[in-house]
C-alpha atoms as a PDB file:
ATOM      1  CA  UNK A   1      83.472  40.286  10.428  1.00  0.00           C
ATOM      2  CA  UNK A   2      86.018  42.562   8.666  1.00  0.00           C
ATOM      3  CA  UNK A   3      85.730  45.574   6.301  1.00  0.00           C
ATOM      4  CA  UNK A   4      83.371  47.514   8.468  1.00  0.00           C
ATOM      5  CA  UNK A   5      80.308  47.555  10.539  1.00  0.00           C
ATOM      6  CA  UNK A   6      77.535  44.911  10.040  1.00  0.00           C
ATOM      7  CA  UNK A   7      74.768  46.726   8.058  1.00  0.00           C
ATOM      8  CA  UNK A   8      72.137  44.000   8.517  1.00  0.00           C
ATOM      9  CA  UNK A   9      70.716  45.529  11.781  1.00  0.00           C
ATOM     10  CA  UNK A  10      70.231  49.092  10.506  1.00  0.00           C
ATOM     11  CA  UNK A  11      68.829  47.855   6.953  1.00  0.00           C
ATOM     12  CA  UNK A  12      66.251  45.505   8.934  1.00  0.00           C
ATOM     13  CA  UNK A  13      65.387  48.514  11.026  1.00  0.00           C
ATOM     14  CA  UNK A  14      64.672  50.821   7.876  1.00  0.00           C
ATOM     15  CA  UNK A  15      62.792  48.232   6.109  1.00  0.00           C
ATOM     16  CA  UNK A  16      60.606  47.663   9.319  1.00  0.00           C
ATOM     17  CA  UNK A  17      59.949  51.132   9.757  1.00  0.00           C
ATOM     18  CA  UNK A  18      58.722  51.533   6.109  1.00  0.00           C
ATOM     19  CA  UNK A  19      56.608  48.614   6.651  1.00  0.00           C
ATOM     20  CA  UNK A  20      54.924  49.823   9.660  1.00  0.00           C
ATOM     21  CA  UNK A  21      54.310  53.227   7.878  1.00  0.00           C
ATOM     22  CA  UNK A  22      53.082  51.471   4.889  1.00  0.00           C
ATOM     23  CA  UNK A  23      50.726  49.488   6.908  1.00  0.00           C
ATOM     24  CA  UNK A  24      49.356  52.557   8.781  1.00  0.00           C
ATOM     25  CA  UNK A  25      48.333  54.052   5.494  1.00  0.00           C
ATOM     26  CA  UNK A  26      46.973  57.646   5.548  1.00  0.00           C
ATOM     27  CA  UNK A  27      46.058  57.791   9.126  1.00  0.00           C
ATOM     28  CA  UNK A  28      49.774  57.615   9.938  1.00  0.00           C
ATOM     29  CA  UNK A  29      51.645  55.979  12.919  1.00  0.00           C
ATOM     30  CA  UNK A  30      52.320  57.737  16.198  1.00  0.00           C
ATOM     31  CA  UNK A  31      55.996  58.357  16.881  1.00  0.00           C
ATOM     32  CA  UNK A  32      55.752  56.734  20.148  1.00  0.00           C
ATOM     33  CA  UNK A  33      54.770  53.336  18.572  1.00  0.00           C
ATOM     34  CA  UNK A  34      57.633  53.794  16.018  1.00  0.00           C
ATOM     35  CA  UNK A  35      60.234  54.527  18.779  1.00  0.00           C
ATOM     36  CA  UNK A  36      59.070  51.507  20.711  1.00  0.00           C
ATOM     37  CA  UNK A  37      59.427  49.126  17.753  1.00  0.00           C
ATOM     38  CA  UNK A  38      62.908  50.485  17.048  1.00  0.00           C
ATOM     39  CA  UNK A  39      64.062  50.215  20.698  1.00  0.00           C
ATOM     40  CA  UNK A  40      64.467  53.830  21.093  1.00  0.00           C
ATOM     41  CA  UNK A  41      61.624  54.600  23.597  1.00  0.00           C
ATOM     42  CA  UNK A  42      64.183  55.287  26.348  1.00  0.00           C
ATOM     43  CA  UNK A  43      66.851  56.888  23.932  1.00  0.00           C
ATOM     44  CA  UNK A  44      67.956  60.453  24.926  1.00  0.00           C
ATOM     45  CA  UNK A  45      67.103  61.667  21.580  1.00  0.00           C
ATOM     46  CA  UNK A  46      64.922  58.976  19.848  1.00  0.00           C
ATOM     47  CA  UNK A  47      63.080  61.466  17.581  1.00  0.00           C
ATOM     48  CA  UNK A  48      66.453  62.597  16.015  1.00  0.00           C
ATOM     49  CA  UNK A  49      67.395  58.978  15.397  1.00  0.00           C
ATOM     50  CA  UNK A  50      63.849  58.417  13.950  1.00  0.00           C
ATOM     51  CA  UNK A  51      64.336  61.455  11.662  1.00  0.00           C
ATOM     52  CA  UNK A  52      67.685  60.185  10.472  1.00  0.00           C
ATOM     53  CA  UNK A  53      65.999  56.949   9.236  1.00  0.00           C
ATOM     54  CA  UNK A  54      63.402  58.876   7.489  1.00  0.00           C
ATOM     55  CA  UNK A  55      65.820  60.978   5.592  1.00  0.00           C
ATOM     56  CA  UNK A  56      67.175  57.566   4.151  1.00  0.00           C
ATOM     57  CA  UNK A  57      63.779  56.727   3.218  1.00  0.00           C
ATOM     58  CA  UNK A  58      63.013  60.023   1.635  1.00  0.00           C
ATOM     59  CA  UNK A  59      66.080  59.608  -0.511  1.00  0.00           C
ATOM     60  CA  UNK A  60      64.937  56.369  -1.747  1.00  0.00           C
ATOM     61  CA  UNK A  61      61.656  57.840  -2.976  1.00  0.00           C
ATOM     62  CA  UNK A  62      59.108  57.828  -0.333  1.00  0.00           C
ATOM     63  CA  UNK A  63      57.751  60.962   1.387  1.00  0.00           C
ATOM     64  CA  UNK A  64      57.458  60.941   5.091  1.00  0.00           C
ATOM     65  CA  UNK A  65      55.538  63.764   6.861  1.00  0.00           C
ATOM     66  CA  UNK A  66      54.425  64.778  10.198  1.00  0.00           C
ATOM     67  CA  UNK A  67      50.565  65.097  10.088  1.00  0.00           C
ATOM     68  CA  UNK A  68      50.146  65.303  13.890  1.00  0.00           C
ATOM     69  CA  UNK A  69      48.436  68.547  15.381  1.00  0.00           C
ATOM     70  CA  UNK A  70      50.618  71.326  16.424  1.00  0.00           C
ATOM     71  CA  UNK A  71      51.687  70.961  20.091  1.00  0.00           C
ATOM     72  CA  UNK A  72      50.736  67.170  20.338  1.00  0.00           C
ATOM     73  CA  UNK A  73      52.868  64.146  19.647  1.00  0.00           C
ATOM     74  CA  UNK A  74      54.049  63.398  16.350  1.00  0.00           C
ATOM     75  CA  UNK A  75      52.149  61.229  13.962  1.00  0.00           C
ATOM     76  CA  UNK A  76      54.046  60.127  10.628  1.00  0.00           C
ATOM     77  CA  UNK A  77      52.474  59.242   7.384  1.00  0.00           C
ATOM     78  CA  UNK A  78      54.420  57.922   4.356  1.00  0.00           C
ATOM     79  CA  UNK A  79      53.320  58.270   0.778  1.00  0.00           C
ATOM     80  CA  UNK A  80      54.548  55.953  -1.730  1.00  0.00           C
ATOM     81  CA  UNK A  81      55.717  57.703  -4.861  1.00  0.00           C
ATOM     82  CA  UNK A  82      57.205  56.457  -8.061  1.00  0.00           C
ATOM     83  CA  UNK A  83      60.801  55.647  -6.757  1.00  0.00           C
ATOM     84  CA  UNK A  84      61.796  54.853 -10.440  1.00  0.00           C
ATOM     85  CA  UNK A  85      61.883  58.414 -11.204  1.00  0.00           C
ATOM     86  CA  UNK A  86      64.871  59.192  -9.048  1.00  0.00           C
ATOM     87  CA  UNK A  87      66.753  56.234 -10.475  1.00  0.00           C
ATOM     88  CA  UNK A  88      66.083  56.561 -14.142  1.00  0.00           C
ATOM     89  CA  UNK A  89      65.309  60.135 -14.799  1.00  0.00           C
ATOM     90  CA  UNK A  90      67.583  63.066 -14.834  1.00  0.00           C
ATOM     91  CA  UNK A  91      66.422  66.199 -12.801  1.00  0.00           C
ATOM     92  CA  UNK A  92      65.741  67.933 -16.134  1.00  0.00           C
ATOM     93  CA  UNK A  93      63.767  64.931 -17.350  1.00  0.00           C
ATOM     94  CA  UNK A  94      61.780  64.854 -13.983  1.00  0.00           C
ATOM     95  CA  UNK A  95      60.834  68.607 -14.415  1.00  0.00           C
ATOM     96  CA  UNK A  96      59.633  68.142 -17.851  1.00  0.00           C
ATOM     97  CA  UNK A  97      57.541  65.248 -16.832  1.00  0.00           C
ATOM     98  CA  UNK A  98      55.977  67.259 -13.880  1.00  0.00           C
ATOM     99  CA  UNK A  99      55.368  70.185 -16.162  1.00  0.00           C
ATOM    100  CA  UNK A 100      53.391  67.908 -18.387  1.00  0.00           C
ATOM    101  CA  UNK A 101      51.401  66.623 -15.311  1.00  0.00           C
ATOM    102  CA  UNK A 102      50.409  70.046 -14.371  1.00  0.00           C
ATOM    103  CA  UNK A 103      49.297  70.912 -18.008  1.00  0.00           C
ATOM    104  CA  UNK A 104      47.012  67.938 -18.171  1.00  0.00           C
ATOM    105  CA  UNK A 105      45.732  68.498 -14.488  1.00  0.00           C
ATOM    106  CA  UNK A 106      46.086  65.005 -13.340  1.00  0.00           C
ATOM    107  CA  UNK A 107      46.212  65.086  -9.572  1.00  0.00           C
ATOM    108  CA  UNK A 108      46.514  61.356  -9.399  1.00  0.00           C
ATOM    109  CA  UNK A 109      49.927  61.570 -11.235  1.00  0.00           C
ATOM    110  CA  UNK A 110      50.895  64.524  -9.363  1.00  0.00           C
ATOM    111  CA  UNK A 111      50.619  62.419  -6.133  1.00  0.00           C
ATOM    112  CA  UNK A 112      52.726  59.589  -7.737  1.00  0.00           C
ATOM    113  CA  UNK A 113      55.347  62.234  -8.623  1.00  0.00           C
ATOM    114  CA  UNK A 114      55.484  63.719  -5.054  1.00  0.00           C
ATOM    115  CA  UNK A 115      54.361  67.047  -6.504  1.00  0.00           C
ATOM    116  CA  UNK A 116      52.687  68.718  -3.557  1.00  0.00           C
ATOM    117  CA  UNK A 117      50.984  72.134  -4.173  1.00  0.00           C
ATOM    118  CA  UNK A 118      53.257  74.185  -1.929  1.00  0.00           C
ATOM    119  CA  UNK A 119      56.368  72.687  -3.134  1.00  0.00           C
ATOM    120  CA  UNK A 120      56.112  72.812  -6.958  1.00  0.00           C
ATOM    121  CA  UNK A 121      59.252  74.269  -8.407  1.00  0.00           C
ATOM    122  CA  UNK A 122      58.519  77.640  -9.976  1.00  0.00           C
ATOM    123  CA  UNK A 123      60.404  76.543 -13.045  1.00  0.00           C
ATOM    124  CA  UNK A 124      57.739  74.052 -13.718  1.00  0.00           C
ATOM    125  CA  UNK A 125      55.112  76.621 -14.905  1.00  0.00           C
ATOM    126  CA  UNK A 126      57.656  79.168 -16.095  1.00  0.00           C
ATOM    127  CA  UNK A 127      57.073  78.373 -19.725  1.00  0.00           C
ATOM    128  CA  UNK A 128      53.216  78.950 -19.557  1.00  0.00           C
ATOM    129  CA  UNK A 129      53.585  82.099 -17.453  1.00  0.00           C
ATOM    130  CA  UNK A 130      56.247  83.494 -19.683  1.00  0.00           C
ATOM    131  CA  UNK A 131      54.232  82.901 -22.744  1.00  0.00           C
ATOM    132  CA  UNK A 132      51.661  85.350 -21.559  1.00  0.00           C
ATOM    133  CA  UNK A 133      48.765  83.176 -22.636  1.00  0.00           C
ATOM    134  CA  UNK A 134      48.292  80.860 -19.831  1.00  0.00           C
ATOM    135  CA  UNK A 135      44.408  81.390 -19.696  1.00  0.00           C
ATOM    136  CA  UNK A 136      44.041  80.669 -23.437  1.00  0.00           C
ATOM    137  CA  UNK A 137      46.389  77.576 -23.204  1.00  0.00           C
ATOM    138  CA  UNK A 138      44.427  76.257 -19.872  1.00  0.00           C
ATOM    139  CA  UNK A 139      41.068  76.699 -21.757  1.00  0.00           C
ATOM    140  CA  UNK A 140      42.448  74.879 -24.938  1.00  0.00           C
ATOM    141  CA  UNK A 141      43.825  72.088 -22.852  1.00  0.00           C
ATOM    142  CA  UNK A 142      40.598  71.717 -20.994  1.00  0.00           C
ATOM    143  CA  UNK A 143      38.588  71.676 -24.326  1.00  0.00           C
ATOM    144  CA  UNK A 144      40.912  68.880 -25.602  1.00  0.00           C
ATOM    145  CA  UNK A 145      40.596  66.769 -22.443  1.00  0.00           C
ATOM    146  CA  UNK A 146      36.886  67.183 -22.378  1.00  0.00           C
ATOM    147  CA  UNK A 147      36.421  66.672 -26.214  1.00  0.00           C
ATOM    148  CA  UNK A 148      34.559  69.910 -26.485  1.00  0.00           C
ATOM    149  CA  UNK A 149      34.481  72.328 -29.383  1.00  0.00           C
ATOM    150  CA  UNK A 150      36.736  75.184 -28.991  1.00  0.00           C
ATOM    151  CA  UNK A 151      35.757  78.745 -30.311  1.00  0.00           C
ATOM    152  CA  UNK A 152      37.976  81.631 -30.390  1.00  0.00           C
ATOM    153  CA  UNK A 153      38.970  84.550 -32.737  1.00  0.00           C
ATOM    154  CA  UNK A 154      42.176  84.063 -34.906  1.00  0.00           C
ATOM    155  CA  UNK A 155      43.463  86.391 -37.627  1.00  0.00           C
ATOM    156  CA  UNK A 156      40.281  88.552 -37.543  1.00  0.00           C
ATOM    157  CA  UNK A 157      37.984  85.639 -37.895  1.00  0.00           C
ATOM    158  CA  UNK A 158      35.805  83.596 -35.374  1.00  0.00           C
ATOM    159  CA  UNK A 159      36.832  79.884 -35.494  1.00  0.00           C
ATOM    160  CA  UNK A 160      35.027  76.794 -34.368  1.00  0.00           C
ATOM    161  CA  UNK A 161      37.464  73.979 -34.039  1.00  0.00           C
ATOM    162  CA  UNK A 162      37.281  70.123 -33.145  1.00  0.00           C
ATOM    163  CA  UNK A 163      40.477  69.626 -31.220  1.00  0.00           C
ATOM    164  CA  UNK A 164      42.908  66.987 -32.041  1.00  0.00           C
ATOM    165  CA  UNK A 165      46.084  67.764 -30.097  1.00  0.00           C
ATOM    166  CA  UNK A 166      48.112  70.473 -28.381  1.00  0.00           C
ATOM    167  CA  UNK A 167      51.922  70.568 -28.973  1.00  0.00           C
ATOM    168  CA  UNK A 168      54.730  72.836 -28.151  1.00  0.00           C
ATOM    169  CA  UNK A 169      57.776  73.857 -30.070  1.00  0.00           C
ATOM    170  CA  UNK A 170      60.477  76.545 -28.839  1.00  0.00           C
ATOM    171  CA  UNK A 171      57.993  77.721 -26.110  1.00  0.00           C
ATOM    172  CA  UNK A 172      55.318  78.338 -28.604  1.00  0.00           C
ATOM    173  CA  UNK A 173      52.115  76.413 -28.252  1.00  0.00           C
ATOM    174  CA  UNK A 174      49.889  75.172 -31.138  1.00  0.00           C
ATOM    175  CA  UNK A 175      46.258  73.724 -31.129  1.00  0.00           C
ATOM    176  CA  UNK A 176      45.733  71.193 -34.005  1.00  0.00           C
ATOM    177  CA  UNK A 177      42.225  70.495 -35.073  1.00  0.00           C
ATOM    178  CA  UNK A 178      39.548  70.706 -37.754  1.00  0.00           C
ATOM    179  CA  UNK A 179      37.273  73.718 -38.410  1.00  0.00           C
ATOM    180  CA  UNK A 180      33.698  73.008 -38.721  1.00  0.00           C
ATOM    181  CA  UNK A 181      32.915  69.973 -41.072  1.00  0.00           C
ATOM    182  CA  UNK A 182      36.481  70.108 -42.650  1.00  0.00           C
ATOM    183  CA  UNK A 183      38.539  67.153 -43.108  1.00  0.00           C
ATOM    184  CA  UNK A 184      41.935  68.903 -42.738  1.00  0.00           C
ATOM    185  CA  UNK A 185      43.758  69.095 -39.477  1.00  0.00           C
ATOM    186  CA  UNK A 186      44.996  72.709 -39.264  1.00  0.00           C
ATOM    187  CA  UNK A 187      47.498  74.308 -36.724  1.00  0.00           C
ATOM    188  CA  UNK A 188      46.659  77.374 -34.729  1.00  0.00           C
ATOM    189  CA  UNK A 189      49.196  79.374 -32.553  1.00  0.00           C
ATOM    190  CA  UNK A 190      47.608  79.625 -28.957  1.00  0.00           C
ATOM    191  CA  UNK A 191      49.237  82.899 -28.272  1.00  0.00           C
ATOM    192  CA  UNK A 192      47.460  84.419 -31.328  1.00  0.00           C
ATOM    193  CA  UNK A 193      43.879  83.463 -30.189  1.00  0.00           C
ATOM    194  CA  UNK A 194      41.505  85.623 -28.169  1.00  0.00           C
ATOM    195  CA  UNK A 195      38.083  85.327 -26.579  1.00  0.00           C
ATOM    196  CA  UNK A 196      38.849  81.450 -26.193  1.00  0.00           C
ATOM    197  CA  UNK A 197      36.169  79.265 -24.826  1.00  0.00           C
ATOM    198  CA  UNK A 198      34.596  76.047 -25.188  1.00  0.00           C
ATOM    199  CA  UNK A 199      31.204  74.322 -25.725  1.00  0.00           C
ATOM    200  CA  UNK A 200      29.988  71.529 -23.309  1.00  0.00           C
ATOM    201  CA  UNK A 201      32.143  68.491 -23.015  1.00  0.00           C
ATOM    202  CA  UNK A 202      31.612  65.888 -25.627  1.00  0.00           C
ATOM    203  CA  UNK A 203      30.551  68.294 -28.334  1.00  0.00           C
ATOM    204  CA  UNK A 204      33.735  67.840 -30.405  1.00  0.00           C
ATOM    205  CA  UNK A 205      33.980  64.936 -32.963  1.00  0.00           C
ATOM    206  CA  UNK A 206      37.027  62.937 -33.596  1.00  0.00           C
ATOM    207  CA  UNK A 207      37.645  62.148 -37.230  1.00  0.00           C
ATOM    208  CA  UNK A 208      37.738  58.393 -37.437  1.00  0.00           C
ATOM    209  CA  UNK A 209      41.051  58.443 -39.476  1.00  0.00           C
ATOM    210  CA  UNK A 210      42.744  61.726 -38.802  1.00  0.00           C
ATOM    211  CA  UNK A 211      45.480  62.727 -40.945  1.00  0.00           C
ATOM    212  CA  UNK A 212      47.939  63.688 -38.297  1.00  0.00           C
ATOM    213  CA  UNK A 213      50.243  66.592 -38.889  1.00  0.00           C
ATOM    214  CA  UNK A 214      53.972  65.443 -38.410  1.00  0.00           C
ATOM    215  CA  UNK A 215      55.917  66.334 -35.399  1.00  0.00           C
ATOM    216  CA  UNK A 216      58.512  68.386 -37.446  1.00  0.00           C
ATOM    217  CA  UNK A 217      57.428  72.019 -37.070  1.00  0.00           C
ATOM    218  CA  UNK A 218      58.273  72.581 -40.829  1.00  0.00           C
ATOM    219  CA  UNK A 219      55.106  70.448 -41.692  1.00  0.00           C
ATOM    220  CA  UNK A 220      52.841  72.311 -39.502  1.00  0.00           C
ATOM    221  CA  UNK A 221      50.334  74.390 -41.528  1.00  0.00           C
ATOM    222  CA  UNK A 222      50.464  77.614 -39.697  1.00  0.00           C
ATOM    223  CA  UNK A 223      50.793  79.802 -42.882  1.00  0.00           C
ATOM    224  CA  UNK A 224      49.579  79.596 -46.477  1.00  0.00           C
ATOM    225  CA  UNK A 225      52.031  77.385 -48.438  1.00  0.00           C
ATOM    226  CA  UNK A 226      54.982  78.777 -50.262  1.00  0.00           C
ATOM    227  CA  UNK A 227      57.568  77.255 -52.271  1.00  0.00           C
ATOM    228  CA  UNK A 228      61.100  78.443 -50.869  1.00  0.00           C
ATOM    229  CA  UNK A 229      64.424  77.750 -52.691  1.00  0.00           C
ATOM    230  CA  UNK A 230      67.586  77.692 -50.533  1.00  0.00           C
ATOM    231  CA  UNK A 231      71.252  77.521 -51.693  1.00  0.00           C
ATOM    232  CA  UNK A 232      74.082  75.748 -49.925  1.00  0.00           C
ATOM    233  CA  UNK A 233      77.615  74.640 -50.443  1.00  0.00           C
ATOM    234  CA  UNK A 234      77.573  70.942 -51.046  1.00  0.00           C
ATOM    235  CA  UNK A 235      79.517  70.157 -47.761  1.00  0.00           C
ATOM    236  CA  UNK A 236      76.889  71.612 -45.619  1.00  0.00           C
ATOM    237  CA  UNK A 237      73.878  70.156 -47.476  1.00  0.00           C
ATOM    238  CA  UNK A 238      73.490  67.316 -44.799  1.00  0.00           C
ATOM    239  CA  UNK A 239      73.222  70.052 -42.146  1.00  0.00           C
ATOM    240  CA  UNK A 240      70.466  71.712 -44.160  1.00  0.00           C
ATOM    241  CA  UNK A 241      68.471  68.485 -44.498  1.00  0.00           C
ATOM    242  CA  UNK A 242      68.834  67.665 -40.762  1.00  0.00           C
ATOM    243  CA  UNK A 243      67.497  70.948 -39.676  1.00  0.00           C
ATOM    244  CA  UNK A 244      64.804  71.486 -42.290  1.00  0.00           C
ATOM    245  CA  UNK A 245      64.155  67.838 -43.338  1.00  0.00           C
ATOM    246  CA  UNK A 246      64.086  66.530 -46.782  1.00  0.00           C
ATOM    247  CA  UNK A 247      63.227  69.039 -49.545  1.00  0.00           C
ATOM    248  CA  UNK A 248      60.908  68.511 -52.443  1.00  0.00           C
ATOM    249  CA  UNK A 249      63.487  69.131 -55.049  1.00  0.00           C
ATOM    250  CA  UNK A 250      67.227  69.158 -54.962  1.00  0.00           C
ATOM    251  CA  UNK A 251      69.916  70.032 -57.764  1.00  0.00           C
ATOM    252  CA  UNK A 252      73.660  70.407 -57.517  1.00  0.00           C
ATOM    253  CA  UNK A 253      76.266  71.881 -59.892  1.00  0.00           C
ATOM    254  CA  UNK A 254      79.051  70.027 -58.229  1.00  0.00           C
ATOM    255  CA  UNK A 255      79.797  72.765 -55.640  1.00  0.00           C
ATOM    256  CA  UNK A 256      76.518  74.385 -54.670  1.00  0.00           C
ATOM    257  CA  UNK A 257      73.265  72.750 -54.048  1.00  0.00           C
ATOM    258  CA  UNK A 258      69.667  74.241 -54.529  1.00  0.00           C
ATOM    259  CA  UNK A 259      66.989  72.902 -52.240  1.00  0.00           C
ATOM    260  CA  UNK A 260      63.248  73.534 -52.610  1.00  0.00           C
ATOM    261  CA  UNK A 261      60.977  73.262 -49.615  1.00  0.00           C
ATOM    262  CA  UNK A 262      57.224  73.674 -49.362  1.00  0.00           C
ATOM    263  CA  UNK A 263      56.966  75.878 -46.396  1.00  0.00           C
ATOM    264  CA  UNK A 264      53.751  76.286 -44.204  1.00  0.00           C
ATOM    265  CA  UNK A 265      55.526  77.432 -41.031  1.00  0.00           C
ATOM    266  CA  UNK A 266      57.613  80.499 -41.862  1.00  0.00           C
ATOM    267  CA  UNK A 267      58.607  81.107 -38.275  1.00  0.00           C
ATOM    268  CA  UNK A 268      60.030  77.583 -38.057  1.00  0.00           C
ATOM    269  CA  UNK A 269      61.855  78.094 -41.257  1.00  0.00           C
ATOM    270  CA  UNK A 270      63.446  81.299 -40.093  1.00  0.00           C
ATOM    271  CA  UNK A 271      64.576  79.763 -36.495  1.00  0.00           C
ATOM    272  CA  UNK A 272      66.399  76.958 -38.509  1.00  0.00           C
ATOM    273  CA  UNK A 273      67.984  79.300 -40.940  1.00  0.00           C
ATOM    274  CA  UNK A 274      69.379  81.106 -38.015  1.00  0.00           C
ATOM    275  CA  UNK A 275      70.912  77.955 -36.798  1.00  0.00           C
ATOM    276  CA  UNK A 276      72.478  77.195 -39.905  1.00  0.00           C
ATOM    277  CA  UNK A 277      73.923  80.600 -40.405  1.00  0.00           C
ATOM    278  CA  UNK A 278      76.036  81.188 -43.378  1.00  0.00           C
ATOM    279  CA  UNK A 279      75.783  77.514 -44.494  1.00  0.00           C
ATOM    280  CA  UNK A 280      72.471  78.394 -46.272  1.00  0.00           C
ATOM    281  CA  UNK A 281      71.177  81.332 -48.296  1.00  0.00           C
ATOM    282  CA  UNK A 282      67.477  81.999 -49.399  1.00  0.00           C
ATOM    283  CA  UNK A 283      67.368  82.199 -53.069  1.00  0.00           C
ATOM    284  CA  UNK A 284      63.652  83.250 -53.220  1.00  0.00           C
ATOM    285  CA  UNK A 285      60.931  84.201 -53.057  1.00  0.00           C
ATOM    286  CA  UNK A 286      61.717  87.808 -52.191  1.00  0.00           C
ATOM    287  CA  UNK A 287      59.037  88.269 -49.528  1.00  0.00           C
ATOM    288  CA  UNK A 288      60.189  85.335 -47.368  1.00  0.00           C
ATOM    289  CA  UNK A 289      63.827  86.851 -47.604  1.00  0.00           C
ATOM    290  CA  UNK A 290      62.518  90.294 -46.656  1.00  0.00           C
ATOM    291  CA  UNK A 291      60.734  88.789 -43.631  1.00  0.00           C
ATOM    292  CA  UNK A 292      63.922  87.274 -42.321  1.00  0.00           C
ATOM    293  CA  UNK A 293      65.944  90.391 -42.976  1.00  0.00           C
ATOM    294  CA  UNK A 294      63.111  92.543 -41.169  1.00  0.00           C
ATOM    295  CA  UNK A 295      63.088  90.040 -38.323  1.00  0.00           C
ATOM    296  CA  UNK A 296      66.900  90.244 -37.957  1.00  0.00           C
ATOM    297  CA  UNK A 297      66.925  94.212 -38.018  1.00  0.00           C
ATOM    298  CA  UNK A 298      64.246  94.189 -35.231  1.00  0.00           C
ATOM    299  CA  UNK A 299      66.213  91.747 -33.054  1.00  0.00           C
ATOM    300  CA  UNK A 300      69.295  94.026 -33.605  1.00  0.00           C
ATOM    301  CA  UNK A 301      67.278  97.190 -32.901  1.00  0.00           C
ATOM    302  CA  UNK A 302      67.778  98.825 -36.116  1.00  0.00           C
END
């Protein structure tokens, strides 16, 4: 043969070791048996050669660990995880998926993702910890998962909510659900909740045909509805539509366009106006414009 070493032998050994470990299951396979099978039982440093093979298997998505008692012979156990993650997902996508698994408390998925308790990256839970309302969020997610009524104080009132979903946008978490016997799905900012607790599992009712709130934050009913008029030069109107979605009304004089929006989430509106910058201007109402100015002054320390 030409062009390098014959890789058939090493590949067959790698596959054979994986098969032995897979067959051994949770009990694992003693290192002595693995060395004997590989023909390294008389090797000067067979364990190092074995661990080198394990590194190859680890890089392909398997987890191999020594579960033998301290001071005794090594026993290696292999855990099969979802190899496709390392092939198809970027590191950022893997982190996002692992964060979701932690939020829903799915231990079976955590095992499939190779997410051991002592090796979970701190960045996975940073979003919850930094938000300062991890206990409320965990309680809300538990209520949703157990289909339980969620009770909490919100804007000075006690709320009794049948949960529908939990979503996040720009590090802010929202509970969507129906109050009491109401038919309308409302949004509640979880960081604004207090005294959050749930009734027993199964007490919440799911509407047979729920009117789901759209994924776009501008459609979330966080605040009382208000009609907001914006102005933008015609060349930037496409940018405004992209950030704020389609307006309820739109008129142009040939150079400038006025766009009217029904706003039920003022925080989302302000965040998108900051992104648009000078491409858009608030025409009215005055209180919405004043809120934006006050927030900018607060951020500037004025």
